[in-house]
């Protein structure tokens, strides 16, 4: 990975459930929705995210790549909207906006 690039593994983009338990099919038309993914590689100049962090990004602003039969998303670090990190201290939320 070069410069400020982040390689993200997509979370399940198929069917999902609403907070009330309603099944929403993958083909349902919804408004602009941000997506979560897990960081699997970072460039040398990435400062805010680490491997294994969950990141929130706009799926419209992405470059897709396939490696070893798996689909990934290539982003610039500045295109990440939020980080949900497991490395925070106790008593904190672990979500940085």
N, C-alpha and C. Protein backbone atom coordinates (compact mmCIF):
# COMPACT_ATOMS: atom_id res chain seq x y z
N UNK A 1 0.85 -1.17 0.00
CA UNK A 1 0.00 0.00 0.00
C UNK A 1 0.90 1.24 0.00
N UNK A 2 0.50 2.22 -0.76
CA UNK A 2 1.28 3.43 -0.88
C UNK A 2 0.58 4.61 -0.21
N UNK A 3 1.37 5.54 0.25
CA UNK A 3 0.94 6.85 0.75
C UNK A 3 -0.19 6.76 1.78
N UNK A 4 -1.33 7.39 1.50
CA UNK A 4 -2.43 7.46 2.48
C UNK A 4 -3.57 6.51 2.13
N UNK A 5 -3.25 5.43 1.46
CA UNK A 5 -4.29 4.48 1.03
C UNK A 5 -4.61 3.48 2.13
N UNK A 6 -5.89 3.07 2.17
CA UNK A 6 -6.38 2.10 3.15
C UNK A 6 -7.15 1.03 2.37
N UNK A 7 -6.81 -0.24 2.60
CA UNK A 7 -7.51 -1.35 1.97
C UNK A 7 -8.50 -1.91 2.99
N UNK A 8 -9.78 -1.97 2.59
CA UNK A 8 -10.86 -2.33 3.50
C UNK A 8 -11.60 -3.55 2.98
N UNK A 9 -11.83 -4.49 3.88
CA UNK A 9 -12.65 -5.66 3.59
C UNK A 9 -14.08 -5.30 3.94
N UNK A 10 -14.99 -5.48 2.97
CA UNK A 10 -16.38 -5.10 3.19
C UNK A 10 -17.08 -6.05 4.14
N UNK A 11 -17.95 -5.49 4.96
CA UNK A 11 -18.82 -6.31 5.78
C UNK A 11 -19.97 -6.78 4.91
N UNK A 12 -20.77 -7.64 5.40
CA UNK A 12 -21.86 -8.23 4.63
C UNK A 12 -22.72 -7.15 3.98
N UNK A 13 -22.79 -7.16 2.64
CA UNK A 13 -23.60 -6.19 1.92
C UNK A 13 -24.93 -6.77 1.48
N UNK A 14 -25.23 -7.97 1.92
CA UNK A 14 -26.47 -8.63 1.52
C UNK A 14 -27.63 -8.17 2.37
N UNK A 15 -28.48 -9.10 2.72
CA UNK A 15 -29.65 -8.79 3.53
C UNK A 15 -29.23 -8.29 4.90
N UNK A 16 -30.05 -7.43 5.47
CA UNK A 16 -29.77 -6.93 6.82
C UNK A 16 -31.09 -6.80 7.56
N UNK A 17 -31.00 -6.61 8.85
CA UNK A 17 -32.20 -6.46 9.68
C UNK A 17 -32.25 -5.06 10.25
N UNK A 18 -33.45 -4.51 10.31
CA UNK A 18 -33.64 -3.20 10.93
C UNK A 18 -33.59 -3.38 12.44
N UNK A 19 -33.60 -2.26 13.17
CA UNK A 19 -33.59 -2.32 14.62
C UNK A 19 -34.81 -3.04 15.18
N UNK A 20 -35.91 -3.02 14.45
CA UNK A 20 -37.14 -3.69 14.87
C UNK A 20 -37.22 -5.14 14.43
N UNK A 21 -36.18 -5.64 13.75
CA UNK A 21 -36.15 -7.03 13.33
C UNK A 21 -36.71 -7.31 11.96
N UNK A 22 -37.03 -6.28 11.21
CA UNK A 22 -37.57 -6.47 9.85
C UNK A 22 -36.41 -6.79 8.90
N UNK A 23 -36.58 -7.83 8.10
CA UNK A 23 -35.56 -8.23 7.13
C UNK A 23 -35.63 -7.32 5.91
N UNK A 24 -34.49 -6.68 5.58
CA UNK A 24 -34.41 -5.79 4.43
C UNK A 24 -33.55 -6.48 3.38
N UNK A 25 -34.11 -6.82 2.21
CA UNK A 25 -33.34 -7.53 1.19
C UNK A 25 -32.25 -6.65 0.59
N UNK A 26 -31.22 -7.29 0.02
CA UNK A 26 -30.10 -6.56 -0.57
C UNK A 26 -30.55 -5.72 -1.76
N UNK A 27 -31.65 -6.08 -2.40
CA UNK A 27 -32.12 -5.36 -3.58
C UNK A 27 -33.02 -4.17 -3.24
N UNK A 28 -33.29 -3.95 -1.96
CA UNK A 28 -34.16 -2.84 -1.54
C UNK A 28 -33.51 -1.51 -1.87
N UNK A 29 -34.30 -0.58 -2.32
CA UNK A 29 -33.81 0.75 -2.64
C UNK A 29 -33.89 1.62 -1.38
N UNK A 30 -32.73 2.11 -0.95
CA UNK A 30 -32.68 2.98 0.23
C UNK A 30 -31.93 4.24 -0.14
N UNK A 31 -32.00 5.24 0.68
CA UNK A 31 -31.27 6.48 0.45
C UNK A 31 -29.77 6.25 0.56
N UNK A 32 -29.03 7.31 0.40
CA UNK A 32 -27.58 7.22 0.49
C UNK A 32 -27.19 6.70 1.87
N UNK A 33 -26.47 5.60 1.88
CA UNK A 33 -26.15 4.92 3.12
C UNK A 33 -24.65 4.68 3.20
N UNK A 34 -24.04 5.00 4.34
CA UNK A 34 -22.62 4.73 4.54
C UNK A 34 -22.43 3.26 4.86
N UNK A 35 -21.23 2.75 4.66
CA UNK A 35 -20.94 1.32 4.85
C UNK A 35 -19.80 1.14 5.84
N UNK A 36 -19.82 0.01 6.56
CA UNK A 36 -18.76 -0.36 7.48
C UNK A 36 -17.86 -1.41 6.83
N UNK A 37 -16.58 -1.35 7.16
CA UNK A 37 -15.63 -2.34 6.68
C UNK A 37 -14.47 -2.45 7.66
N UNK A 38 -13.64 -3.47 7.48
CA UNK A 38 -12.49 -3.69 8.35
C UNK A 38 -11.20 -3.41 7.60
N UNK A 39 -10.29 -2.67 8.22
CA UNK A 39 -9.02 -2.31 7.61
C UNK A 39 -8.12 -3.55 7.58
N UNK A 40 -7.62 -3.90 6.38
CA UNK A 40 -6.75 -5.06 6.24
C UNK A 40 -5.33 -4.67 5.82
N UNK A 41 -5.13 -3.43 5.34
CA UNK A 41 -3.79 -2.96 4.98
C UNK A 41 -3.81 -1.43 4.96
N UNK A 42 -2.66 -0.82 5.27
CA UNK A 42 -2.56 0.63 5.25
C UNK A 42 -1.25 1.04 4.60
N UNK A 43 -1.25 2.24 4.02
CA UNK A 43 -0.04 2.81 3.46
C UNK A 43 0.83 3.41 4.55
N UNK A 44 2.02 3.81 4.17
CA UNK A 44 3.00 4.33 5.13
C UNK A 44 2.58 5.65 5.77
N UNK A 45 1.79 6.45 5.09
CA UNK A 45 1.41 7.77 5.61
C UNK A 45 0.06 7.80 6.31
N UNK A 46 -0.54 6.66 6.57
CA UNK A 46 -1.82 6.60 7.28
C UNK A 46 -1.55 6.78 8.76
N UNK A 47 -2.28 7.73 9.40
CA UNK A 47 -2.01 8.04 10.80
C UNK A 47 -3.15 7.72 11.75
N UNK A 48 -4.39 7.70 11.27
CA UNK A 48 -5.53 7.59 12.17
C UNK A 48 -6.11 6.19 12.34
N UNK A 49 -5.84 5.29 11.43
CA UNK A 49 -6.41 3.94 11.52
C UNK A 49 -5.30 2.90 11.57
N UNK A 50 -5.64 1.76 12.14
CA UNK A 50 -4.70 0.64 12.24
C UNK A 50 -5.37 -0.61 11.71
N UNK A 51 -4.59 -1.63 11.47
CA UNK A 51 -5.13 -2.90 11.00
C UNK A 51 -6.16 -3.43 11.99
N UNK A 52 -7.27 -3.92 11.48
CA UNK A 52 -8.33 -4.47 12.32
C UNK A 52 -9.39 -3.47 12.75
N UNK A 53 -9.18 -2.17 12.55
CA UNK A 53 -10.19 -1.17 12.90
C UNK A 53 -11.39 -1.30 11.96
N UNK A 54 -12.59 -1.02 12.48
CA UNK A 54 -13.78 -0.91 11.65
C UNK A 54 -13.91 0.55 11.24
N UNK A 55 -14.12 0.79 9.96
CA UNK A 55 -14.21 2.15 9.46
C UNK A 55 -15.53 2.36 8.72
N UNK A 56 -16.02 3.59 8.78
CA UNK A 56 -17.26 3.98 8.12
C UNK A 56 -16.89 4.85 6.92
N UNK A 57 -17.42 4.50 5.74
CA UNK A 57 -17.07 5.23 4.53
C UNK A 57 -18.27 5.29 3.60
N UNK A 58 -18.19 6.16 2.60
CA UNK A 58 -19.24 6.31 1.60
C UNK A 58 -18.98 5.31 0.48
N UNK A 59 -19.88 4.37 0.24
CA UNK A 59 -19.63 3.37 -0.79
C UNK A 59 -19.59 3.93 -2.21
N UNK A 60 -20.06 5.15 -2.40
CA UNK A 60 -20.00 5.78 -3.72
C UNK A 60 -18.59 6.24 -4.07
N UNK A 61 -17.78 6.57 -3.06
CA UNK A 61 -16.42 7.09 -3.26
C UNK A 61 -15.39 5.99 -3.05
N UNK A 62 -15.46 4.93 -3.83
CA UNK A 62 -14.55 3.83 -3.59
C UNK A 62 -14.05 3.23 -4.88
N UNK A 63 -12.88 2.63 -4.79
CA UNK A 63 -12.33 1.84 -5.88
C UNK A 63 -12.31 0.39 -5.43
N UNK A 64 -12.91 -0.49 -6.20
CA UNK A 64 -12.98 -1.89 -5.81
C UNK A 64 -11.83 -2.66 -6.44
N UNK A 65 -11.33 -3.65 -5.70
CA UNK A 65 -10.25 -4.49 -6.18
C UNK A 65 -10.48 -5.91 -5.69
N UNK A 66 -10.08 -6.89 -6.49
CA UNK A 66 -10.22 -8.29 -6.10
C UNK A 66 -8.83 -8.88 -5.91
N UNK A 67 -8.60 -9.47 -4.75
CA UNK A 67 -7.32 -10.12 -4.43
C UNK A 67 -7.59 -11.51 -3.89
N UNK A 68 -6.99 -12.51 -4.49
CA UNK A 68 -7.16 -13.89 -4.05
C UNK A 68 -8.62 -14.30 -3.94
N UNK A 69 -9.45 -13.83 -4.87
CA UNK A 69 -10.85 -14.20 -4.88
C UNK A 69 -11.75 -13.45 -3.91
N UNK A 70 -11.23 -12.48 -3.19
CA UNK A 70 -12.03 -11.68 -2.25
C UNK A 70 -12.09 -10.25 -2.74
N UNK A 71 -13.23 -9.60 -2.50
CA UNK A 71 -13.41 -8.21 -2.90
C UNK A 71 -13.00 -7.27 -1.77
N UNK A 72 -12.28 -6.22 -2.13
CA UNK A 72 -11.84 -5.20 -1.19
C UNK A 72 -12.16 -3.83 -1.76
N UNK A 73 -12.07 -2.82 -0.90
CA UNK A 73 -12.28 -1.43 -1.29
C UNK A 73 -11.00 -0.67 -0.99
N UNK A 74 -10.56 0.14 -1.94
CA UNK A 74 -9.37 0.96 -1.77
C UNK A 74 -9.81 2.40 -1.56
N UNK A 75 -9.43 2.98 -0.41
CA UNK A 75 -9.84 4.34 -0.04
C UNK A 75 -8.63 5.19 0.29
N UNK A 76 -8.81 6.49 0.24
CA UNK A 76 -7.84 7.40 0.85
C UNK A 76 -8.25 7.56 2.31
N UNK A 77 -7.28 7.83 3.16
CA UNK A 77 -7.60 7.98 4.58
C UNK A 77 -8.60 9.11 4.81
N UNK A 78 -8.54 10.16 4.02
CA UNK A 78 -9.45 11.30 4.21
C UNK A 78 -10.89 10.96 3.85
N UNK A 79 -11.13 9.84 3.12
CA UNK A 79 -12.48 9.43 2.75
C UNK A 79 -13.17 8.62 3.84
N UNK A 80 -12.48 8.36 4.95
CA UNK A 80 -13.05 7.62 6.06
C UNK A 80 -13.77 8.60 6.98
N UNK A 81 -15.03 8.30 7.31
CA UNK A 81 -15.84 9.20 8.13
C UNK A 81 -15.74 8.92 9.62
N UNK A 82 -15.52 7.66 10.01
CA UNK A 82 -15.46 7.32 11.44
C UNK A 82 -14.64 6.04 11.60
N UNK A 83 -14.10 5.86 12.81
CA UNK A 83 -13.32 4.68 13.16
C UNK A 83 -13.89 4.09 14.44
N UNK A 84 -14.18 2.80 14.43
CA UNK A 84 -14.59 2.09 15.63
C UNK A 84 -13.41 1.19 16.00
N UNK A 85 -12.64 1.59 17.00
CA UNK A 85 -11.40 0.90 17.34
C UNK A 85 -11.54 0.08 18.61
N UNK A 86 -10.93 -1.09 18.63
CA UNK A 86 -10.94 -1.94 19.82
C UNK A 86 -9.84 -1.55 20.79
N UNK A 87 -8.97 -0.67 20.41
CA UNK A 87 -7.78 -0.36 21.20
C UNK A 87 -7.98 0.76 22.22
N UNK A 88 -9.22 1.19 22.47
CA UNK A 88 -9.48 2.30 23.40
C UNK A 88 -9.46 1.81 24.84
N UNK A 89 -9.30 2.75 25.76
CA UNK A 89 -9.27 2.42 27.18
C UNK A 89 -10.67 2.11 27.68
N UNK A 90 -10.76 1.43 28.81
CA UNK A 90 -12.06 1.09 29.39
C UNK A 90 -12.83 2.36 29.72
N UNK A 91 -14.15 2.29 29.55
CA UNK A 91 -15.00 3.41 29.88
C UNK A 91 -15.23 4.37 28.73
N UNK A 92 -14.60 4.14 27.58
CA UNK A 92 -14.81 5.00 26.43
C UNK A 92 -15.62 4.26 25.37
N UNK A 93 -16.21 4.98 24.47
CA UNK A 93 -17.09 4.38 23.47
C UNK A 93 -16.33 3.64 22.38
N UNK A 94 -15.17 4.11 22.01
CA UNK A 94 -14.40 3.48 20.94
C UNK A 94 -14.82 3.92 19.56
N UNK A 95 -15.67 4.94 19.46
CA UNK A 95 -16.11 5.44 18.17
C UNK A 95 -15.62 6.88 18.02
N UNK A 96 -14.85 7.14 16.97
CA UNK A 96 -14.29 8.46 16.75
C UNK A 96 -14.86 9.02 15.46
N UNK A 97 -15.53 10.17 15.54
CA UNK A 97 -16.11 10.81 14.37
C UNK A 97 -15.29 12.02 13.99
